[in-house]
Structures are given as C-alpha cells and as structure tokens.
C-alpha cells in the first residue's frame, strides 16, 4: 500500500516551490497552447502534454 502524500509535511522551502510551480503551470500551458496552434511541432505538442499532465495532477491533488 502506498503512503499518502501530504504536502504540508514538506519543509517550508519545498512547499514554497510547489506552490510557485502550481501557480505558474496554467499561464505557461496557455502560452504553449497558443504557440502550438500557430507553430505546431512535435516538441510543442509533447511539451503541451507534459504541462497538461502537471496541471491535471495539481487539480486532482495528486501532487
């Protein structure tokens, strides 16, 4: 059985960086989506998928 991940048990510096990343993912994902629409390359699509996965993980509180 996996141990439950509690973000509040982390050291303060780690919680700070986690919160910062959580707040920055959506604007970066929107920018990457617009960039992918205008200049679609394989790298842009993969990068958008990574950011979407990170956003979903934060939204569903997996991280």
N, C-alpha and C. Protein backbone atom coordinates (compact mmCIF):
# COMPACT_ATOMS: atom_id res chain seq x y z
N UNK A 1 0.84 -1.17 0.00
CA UNK A 1 0.00 0.00 0.00
C UNK A 1 0.89 1.24 0.00
N UNK A 2 0.55 2.19 -0.86
CA UNK A 2 1.35 3.41 -0.95
C UNK A 2 1.04 4.35 0.19
N UNK A 3 2.07 5.06 0.62
CA UNK A 3 1.88 6.07 1.65
C UNK A 3 1.23 7.30 1.03
N UNK A 4 0.34 7.91 1.76
CA UNK A 4 -0.35 9.11 1.28
C UNK A 4 0.63 10.27 1.29
N UNK A 5 0.57 11.07 0.25
CA UNK A 5 1.46 12.22 0.10
C UNK A 5 0.79 13.44 0.72
N UNK A 6 1.40 14.03 1.73
CA UNK A 6 0.89 15.23 2.36
C UNK A 6 1.84 16.37 2.08
N UNK A 7 1.36 17.36 1.35
CA UNK A 7 2.24 18.47 1.00
C UNK A 7 2.58 19.33 2.21
N UNK A 8 1.79 19.30 3.26
CA UNK A 8 2.06 20.13 4.43
C UNK A 8 3.11 19.53 5.35
N UNK A 9 3.52 18.31 5.09
CA UNK A 9 4.61 17.71 5.85
C UNK A 9 5.98 18.06 5.26
N UNK A 10 5.97 18.69 4.10
CA UNK A 10 7.22 19.06 3.45
C UNK A 10 7.87 20.23 4.19
N UNK A 11 9.17 20.41 4.02
CA UNK A 11 9.82 21.59 4.59
C UNK A 11 9.26 22.87 3.95
N UNK A 12 9.36 23.99 4.64
CA UNK A 12 8.78 25.23 4.11
C UNK A 12 9.31 25.62 2.73
N UNK A 13 10.60 25.41 2.47
CA UNK A 13 11.14 25.79 1.16
C UNK A 13 10.56 24.92 0.05
N UNK A 14 10.28 23.65 0.34
CA UNK A 14 9.70 22.76 -0.67
C UNK A 14 8.23 23.12 -0.93
N UNK A 15 7.50 23.47 0.13
CA UNK A 15 6.12 23.90 -0.05
C UNK A 15 6.04 25.17 -0.87
N UNK A 16 7.00 26.09 -0.64
CA UNK A 16 7.04 27.34 -1.39
C UNK A 16 7.21 27.06 -2.88
N UNK A 17 8.16 26.19 -3.23
CA UNK A 17 8.41 25.89 -4.64
C UNK A 17 7.24 25.13 -5.26
N UNK A 18 6.62 24.26 -4.51
CA UNK A 18 5.46 23.53 -5.02
C UNK A 18 4.30 24.49 -5.32
N UNK A 19 4.07 25.44 -4.43
CA UNK A 19 3.02 26.44 -4.64
C UNK A 19 3.34 27.33 -5.83
N UNK A 20 4.60 27.71 -5.96
CA UNK A 20 5.02 28.54 -7.09
C UNK A 20 4.81 27.83 -8.42
N UNK A 21 5.19 26.57 -8.48
CA UNK A 21 5.00 25.79 -9.70
C UNK A 21 3.52 25.63 -10.01
N UNK A 22 2.72 25.40 -8.96
CA UNK A 22 1.28 25.23 -9.16
C UNK A 22 0.65 26.48 -9.75
N UNK A 23 1.10 27.65 -9.31
CA UNK A 23 0.54 28.90 -9.83
C UNK A 23 1.03 29.25 -11.22
N UNK A 24 2.18 28.77 -11.62
CA UNK A 24 2.76 29.12 -12.92
C UNK A 24 2.38 28.17 -14.04
N UNK A 25 1.88 27.00 -13.73
CA UNK A 25 1.63 26.00 -14.76
C UNK A 25 0.53 26.44 -15.72
N UNK A 26 -0.55 27.00 -15.24
CA UNK A 26 -1.67 27.39 -16.12
C UNK A 26 -1.27 28.46 -17.13
N UNK A 27 -0.64 29.57 -16.73
CA UNK A 27 -0.24 30.56 -17.76
C UNK A 27 0.76 29.99 -18.77
N UNK A 28 1.68 29.16 -18.32
CA UNK A 28 2.64 28.55 -19.25
C UNK A 28 1.91 27.61 -20.20
N UNK A 29 0.92 26.88 -19.68
CA UNK A 29 0.16 25.95 -20.53
C UNK A 29 -0.66 26.72 -21.57
N UNK A 30 -1.24 27.84 -21.20
CA UNK A 30 -2.00 28.65 -22.15
C UNK A 30 -1.08 29.20 -23.24
N UNK A 31 0.09 29.71 -22.84
CA UNK A 31 1.05 30.20 -23.82
C UNK A 31 1.49 29.09 -24.75
N UNK A 32 1.75 27.92 -24.20
CA UNK A 32 2.20 26.80 -25.02
C UNK A 32 1.09 26.33 -25.96
N UNK A 33 -0.15 26.41 -25.51
CA UNK A 33 -1.28 26.04 -26.38
C UNK A 33 -1.41 26.97 -27.56
N UNK A 34 -1.26 28.28 -27.32
CA UNK A 34 -1.32 29.25 -28.41
C UNK A 34 -0.15 29.03 -29.35
N UNK A 35 1.02 28.80 -28.80
CA UNK A 35 2.21 28.56 -29.63
C UNK A 35 2.02 27.29 -30.47
N UNK A 36 1.42 26.27 -29.89
CA UNK A 36 1.20 25.02 -30.61
C UNK A 36 0.19 25.21 -31.75
N UNK A 37 -0.79 26.06 -31.55
CA UNK A 37 -1.76 26.32 -32.61
C UNK A 37 -1.10 27.01 -33.80
N UNK A 38 -0.21 27.98 -33.54
CA UNK A 38 0.41 28.73 -34.63
C UNK A 38 1.63 28.05 -35.23
N UNK A 39 2.44 27.39 -34.41
CA UNK A 39 3.66 26.73 -34.89
C UNK A 39 3.69 25.29 -34.40
N UNK A 40 2.88 24.42 -34.95
CA UNK A 40 2.80 23.05 -34.44
C UNK A 40 4.03 22.21 -34.82
N UNK A 41 4.81 21.88 -33.82
CA UNK A 41 5.90 20.93 -33.99
C UNK A 41 5.69 19.80 -33.00
N UNK A 42 6.40 18.73 -33.20
CA UNK A 42 6.28 17.58 -32.30
C UNK A 42 6.68 17.96 -30.89
N UNK A 43 7.74 18.73 -30.75
CA UNK A 43 8.21 19.15 -29.43
C UNK A 43 7.17 19.99 -28.71
N UNK A 44 6.51 20.92 -29.45
CA UNK A 44 5.48 21.76 -28.83
C UNK A 44 4.30 20.94 -28.33
N UNK A 45 3.89 19.97 -29.11
CA UNK A 45 2.77 19.12 -28.71
C UNK A 45 3.14 18.29 -27.47
N UNK A 46 4.35 17.74 -27.46
CA UNK A 46 4.79 16.97 -26.29
C UNK A 46 4.90 17.85 -25.05
N UNK A 47 5.44 19.05 -25.21
CA UNK A 47 5.57 19.97 -24.09
C UNK A 47 4.20 20.38 -23.56
N UNK A 48 3.25 20.61 -24.45
CA UNK A 48 1.88 20.93 -24.02
C UNK A 48 1.27 19.76 -23.26
N UNK A 49 1.54 18.55 -23.71
CA UNK A 49 1.05 17.37 -23.00
C UNK A 49 1.64 17.23 -21.61
N UNK A 50 2.92 17.55 -21.47
CA UNK A 50 3.57 17.49 -20.15
C UNK A 50 2.95 18.52 -19.22
N UNK A 51 2.78 19.75 -19.71
CA UNK A 51 2.18 20.79 -18.87
C UNK A 51 0.73 20.47 -18.52
N UNK A 52 -0.01 19.88 -19.46
CA UNK A 52 -1.39 19.49 -19.18
C UNK A 52 -1.42 18.39 -18.12
N UNK A 53 -0.49 17.45 -18.20
CA UNK A 53 -0.42 16.39 -17.18
C UNK A 53 -0.09 16.94 -15.80
N UNK A 54 0.84 17.89 -15.74
CA UNK A 54 1.18 18.51 -14.46
C UNK A 54 -0.01 19.29 -13.91
N UNK A 55 -0.71 20.02 -14.79
CA UNK A 55 -1.88 20.77 -14.36
C UNK A 55 -2.97 19.85 -13.82
N UNK A 56 -3.22 18.75 -14.50
CA UNK A 56 -4.24 17.80 -14.04
C UNK A 56 -3.83 17.18 -12.71
N UNK A 57 -2.54 16.90 -12.55
CA UNK A 57 -2.07 16.32 -11.28
C UNK A 57 -2.28 17.29 -10.13
N UNK A 58 -2.03 18.58 -10.36
CA UNK A 58 -2.28 19.57 -9.31
C UNK A 58 -3.78 19.73 -9.06
N UNK A 59 -4.57 19.73 -10.14
CA UNK A 59 -6.01 19.93 -10.00
C UNK A 59 -6.66 18.79 -9.22
N UNK A 60 -6.24 17.56 -9.49
CA UNK A 60 -6.80 16.40 -8.79
C UNK A 60 -6.10 16.11 -7.47
N UNK A 61 -5.18 16.99 -7.10
CA UNK A 61 -4.43 16.91 -5.84
C UNK A 61 -3.64 15.62 -5.72
N UNK A 62 -3.06 15.17 -6.84
CA UNK A 62 -2.13 14.04 -6.79
C UNK A 62 -0.79 14.52 -6.30
N UNK A 63 -0.49 15.79 -6.52
CA UNK A 63 0.77 16.37 -6.06
C UNK A 63 0.45 17.35 -4.96
